[in-house]
């Protein structure tokens, strides 16, 4: 999980002030003991993904903005 940010709109209501770390904590609470990871930037996210993946792994990225740079890094490595 990387941090979240407003793409075009200002966050309002219950989403105002939500961070990527908040989302990660909620996911971890529901992960049933499976690992969850926080990455402060794309470089760390790339290192985490590469260290967890094995031959034949599928890594899906979801996001807006420069998240495509993460998938580009993973394909190149």
N, C-alpha and C. Protein backbone atom coordinates (compact mmCIF):
# COMPACT_ATOMS: atom_id res chain seq x y z
N UNK A 1 0.83 -1.16 0.00
CA UNK A 1 0.00 0.00 0.00
C UNK A 1 0.88 1.23 0.00
N UNK A 2 0.61 2.10 -0.93
CA UNK A 2 1.24 3.42 -0.98
C UNK A 2 0.25 4.44 -0.43
N UNK A 3 0.67 5.67 -0.28
CA UNK A 3 -0.23 6.68 0.22
C UNK A 3 -1.31 6.99 -0.82
N UNK A 4 -2.41 7.54 -0.37
CA UNK A 4 -3.50 7.93 -1.26
C UNK A 4 -3.55 9.45 -1.34
N UNK A 5 -4.11 9.93 -2.43
CA UNK A 5 -4.26 11.36 -2.62
C UNK A 5 -5.46 11.61 -3.51
N UNK A 6 -5.98 12.81 -3.42
CA UNK A 6 -7.11 13.18 -4.28
C UNK A 6 -6.59 13.39 -5.70
N UNK A 7 -7.25 12.77 -6.67
CA UNK A 7 -6.81 12.90 -8.05
C UNK A 7 -7.30 14.21 -8.67
N UNK A 8 -8.58 14.43 -8.67
CA UNK A 8 -9.13 15.65 -9.26
C UNK A 8 -10.05 16.39 -8.30
N UNK A 9 -10.51 15.71 -7.31
CA UNK A 9 -11.50 16.28 -6.41
C UNK A 9 -10.93 16.42 -5.00
N UNK A 10 -11.54 17.25 -4.24
CA UNK A 10 -11.15 17.40 -2.85
C UNK A 10 -11.89 16.34 -2.03
N UNK A 11 -11.19 15.60 -1.18
CA UNK A 11 -11.86 14.61 -0.35
C UNK A 11 -12.77 15.30 0.67
N UNK A 12 -13.97 14.79 0.78
CA UNK A 12 -14.95 15.35 1.72
C UNK A 12 -15.63 14.22 2.46
N UNK A 13 -16.30 14.56 3.52
CA UNK A 13 -17.05 13.57 4.28
C UNK A 13 -16.15 12.55 4.92
N UNK A 14 -16.58 11.29 4.92
CA UNK A 14 -15.82 10.26 5.62
C UNK A 14 -14.45 9.97 5.01
N UNK A 15 -14.21 10.38 3.77
CA UNK A 15 -12.92 10.13 3.13
C UNK A 15 -11.91 11.24 3.40
N UNK A 16 -12.35 12.35 3.92
CA UNK A 16 -11.43 13.46 4.19
C UNK A 16 -10.39 13.05 5.22
N UNK A 17 -9.14 13.20 4.87
CA UNK A 17 -8.06 12.89 5.79
C UNK A 17 -7.63 11.44 5.84
N UNK A 18 -8.22 10.57 5.01
CA UNK A 18 -7.83 9.16 4.98
C UNK A 18 -6.48 9.04 4.28
N UNK A 19 -5.58 8.30 4.88
CA UNK A 19 -4.25 8.09 4.29
C UNK A 19 -4.11 6.65 3.81
N UNK A 20 -3.06 6.41 3.07
CA UNK A 20 -2.76 5.05 2.65
C UNK A 20 -2.51 4.15 3.84
N UNK A 21 -1.91 4.70 4.88
CA UNK A 21 -1.66 3.92 6.09
C UNK A 21 -2.97 3.53 6.77
N UNK A 22 -3.97 4.42 6.74
CA UNK A 22 -5.29 4.08 7.26
C UNK A 22 -5.90 2.91 6.48
N UNK A 23 -5.77 2.95 5.16
CA UNK A 23 -6.30 1.89 4.31
C UNK A 23 -5.56 0.58 4.60
N UNK A 24 -4.25 0.65 4.75
CA UNK A 24 -3.46 -0.54 5.06
C UNK A 24 -3.89 -1.15 6.39
N UNK A 25 -4.07 -0.31 7.39
CA UNK A 25 -4.50 -0.82 8.70
C UNK A 25 -5.85 -1.52 8.61
N UNK A 26 -6.78 -0.95 7.85
CA UNK A 26 -8.09 -1.60 7.67
C UNK A 26 -7.94 -2.92 6.94
N UNK A 27 -7.09 -2.96 5.91
CA UNK A 27 -6.86 -4.21 5.18
C UNK A 27 -6.21 -5.25 6.08
N UNK A 28 -5.23 -4.83 6.88
CA UNK A 28 -4.54 -5.75 7.78
C UNK A 28 -5.51 -6.34 8.80
N UNK A 29 -6.45 -5.53 9.28
CA UNK A 29 -7.44 -6.01 10.24
C UNK A 29 -8.31 -7.12 9.65
N UNK A 30 -8.46 -7.11 8.32
CA UNK A 30 -9.33 -8.07 7.65
C UNK A 30 -8.56 -9.14 6.88
N UNK A 31 -7.25 -9.14 7.00
CA UNK A 31 -6.41 -10.03 6.19
C UNK A 31 -6.28 -11.44 6.75
N UNK A 32 -6.85 -11.70 7.89
CA UNK A 32 -6.80 -13.04 8.44
C UNK A 32 -5.39 -13.53 8.70
N UNK A 33 -4.50 -12.64 9.11
CA UNK A 33 -3.13 -13.02 9.41
C UNK A 33 -2.20 -12.98 8.21
N UNK A 34 -2.72 -12.76 7.02
CA UNK A 34 -1.85 -12.65 5.84
C UNK A 34 -1.09 -11.33 5.90
N UNK A 35 0.07 -11.32 5.30
CA UNK A 35 0.94 -10.14 5.34
C UNK A 35 0.35 -8.98 4.56
N UNK A 36 0.54 -7.79 5.08
CA UNK A 36 0.23 -6.55 4.38
C UNK A 36 1.46 -5.67 4.48
N UNK A 37 1.67 -4.79 3.52
CA UNK A 37 2.90 -4.03 3.46
C UNK A 37 2.63 -2.55 3.18
N UNK A 38 3.36 -1.68 3.86
CA UNK A 38 3.33 -0.25 3.64
C UNK A 38 4.59 0.16 2.91
N UNK A 39 4.44 0.98 1.88
CA UNK A 39 5.59 1.50 1.15
C UNK A 39 5.47 3.02 1.06
N UNK A 40 6.46 3.75 1.52
CA UNK A 40 6.38 5.20 1.47
C UNK A 40 6.57 5.77 0.07
N UNK A 41 7.12 4.97 -0.85
CA UNK A 41 7.32 5.46 -2.21
C UNK A 41 7.39 4.27 -3.19
N UNK A 42 7.46 4.60 -4.47
CA UNK A 42 7.45 3.56 -5.51
C UNK A 42 8.67 2.65 -5.44
N UNK A 43 9.81 3.19 -5.08
CA UNK A 43 11.03 2.37 -5.00
C UNK A 43 10.88 1.29 -3.94
N UNK A 44 10.39 1.66 -2.78
CA UNK A 44 10.19 0.68 -1.71
C UNK A 44 9.11 -0.32 -2.11
N UNK A 45 8.04 0.16 -2.73
CA UNK A 45 6.98 -0.74 -3.19
C UNK A 45 7.53 -1.76 -4.19
N UNK A 46 8.40 -1.31 -5.07
CA UNK A 46 9.01 -2.21 -6.05
C UNK A 46 9.86 -3.27 -5.36
N UNK A 47 10.66 -2.86 -4.38
CA UNK A 47 11.50 -3.82 -3.65
C UNK A 47 10.66 -4.84 -2.89
N UNK A 48 9.58 -4.38 -2.27
CA UNK A 48 8.70 -5.30 -1.54
C UNK A 48 8.08 -6.30 -2.50
N UNK A 49 7.54 -5.81 -3.60
CA UNK A 49 6.87 -6.70 -4.56
C UNK A 49 7.84 -7.73 -5.11
N UNK A 50 9.05 -7.28 -5.49
CA UNK A 50 10.04 -8.22 -6.03
C UNK A 50 10.46 -9.25 -5.00
N UNK A 51 10.56 -8.84 -3.74
CA UNK A 51 11.00 -9.79 -2.72
C UNK A 51 9.93 -10.82 -2.38
N UNK A 52 8.67 -10.51 -2.62
CA UNK A 52 7.57 -11.40 -2.29
C UNK A 52 7.16 -12.28 -3.47
N UNK A 53 7.49 -11.87 -4.67
CA UNK A 53 7.06 -12.60 -5.87
C UNK A 53 8.01 -13.75 -6.17
N UNK A 54 7.46 -14.76 -6.80
CA UNK A 54 8.28 -15.86 -7.28
C UNK A 54 7.91 -16.12 -8.74
N UNK A 55 8.64 -17.02 -9.37
CA UNK A 55 8.38 -17.35 -10.77
C UNK A 55 6.91 -17.67 -10.96
N UNK A 56 6.28 -17.01 -11.91
CA UNK A 56 4.87 -17.25 -12.21
C UNK A 56 3.89 -16.41 -11.40
N UNK A 57 4.41 -15.59 -10.49
CA UNK A 57 3.53 -14.74 -9.68
C UNK A 57 2.83 -13.70 -10.56
N UNK A 58 1.66 -13.34 -10.15
CA UNK A 58 0.92 -12.24 -10.78
C UNK A 58 0.83 -11.13 -9.74
N UNK A 59 1.26 -9.95 -10.13
CA UNK A 59 1.19 -8.78 -9.26
C UNK A 59 0.24 -7.79 -9.92
N UNK A 60 -0.81 -7.42 -9.22
CA UNK A 60 -1.77 -6.44 -9.73
C UNK A 60 -1.56 -5.12 -9.01
N UNK A 61 -1.57 -4.03 -9.76
CA UNK A 61 -1.49 -2.71 -9.15
C UNK A 61 -2.80 -1.99 -9.41
N UNK A 62 -3.17 -1.16 -8.47
CA UNK A 62 -4.42 -0.41 -8.59
C UNK A 62 -4.16 0.98 -8.08
N UNK A 63 -4.53 1.97 -8.84
CA UNK A 63 -4.32 3.33 -8.37
C UNK A 63 -4.48 4.32 -9.50
N UNK A 64 -4.08 5.54 -9.18
CA UNK A 64 -4.15 6.63 -10.14
C UNK A 64 -2.78 7.28 -10.23
N UNK A 65 -2.61 8.11 -11.22
CA UNK A 65 -1.36 8.85 -11.31
C UNK A 65 -0.19 7.97 -11.68
N UNK A 66 0.88 8.06 -10.89
CA UNK A 66 2.12 7.41 -11.26
C UNK A 66 2.23 5.94 -10.83
N UNK A 67 1.12 5.31 -10.44
CA UNK A 67 1.18 3.89 -10.07
C UNK A 67 1.65 3.04 -11.25
N UNK A 68 1.43 3.53 -12.46
CA UNK A 68 1.90 2.77 -13.63
C UNK A 68 3.42 2.66 -13.64
N UNK A 69 4.10 3.60 -12.99
CA UNK A 69 5.56 3.51 -12.91
C UNK A 69 6.00 2.29 -12.12
N UNK A 70 5.18 1.89 -11.14
CA UNK A 70 5.51 0.69 -10.37
C UNK A 70 5.44 -0.54 -11.26
N UNK A 71 4.38 -0.69 -12.01
CA UNK A 71 4.29 -1.87 -12.88
C UNK A 71 5.39 -1.85 -13.93
N UNK A 72 5.75 -0.66 -14.43
CA UNK A 72 6.86 -0.58 -15.39
C UNK A 72 8.15 -1.07 -14.75
N UNK A 73 8.42 -0.65 -13.52
CA UNK A 73 9.63 -1.10 -12.82
C UNK A 73 9.65 -2.60 -12.62
N UNK A 74 8.50 -3.16 -12.28
CA UNK A 74 8.43 -4.59 -12.03
C UNK A 74 8.65 -5.40 -13.30
N UNK A 75 8.12 -4.92 -14.40
CA UNK A 75 8.30 -5.62 -15.68
C UNK A 75 9.76 -5.55 -16.12
N UNK A 76 10.41 -4.44 -15.87
CA UNK A 76 11.80 -4.26 -16.28
C UNK A 76 12.78 -5.07 -15.45
N UNK A 77 12.38 -5.43 -14.23
CA UNK A 77 13.35 -6.10 -13.35
C UNK A 77 13.37 -7.60 -13.54
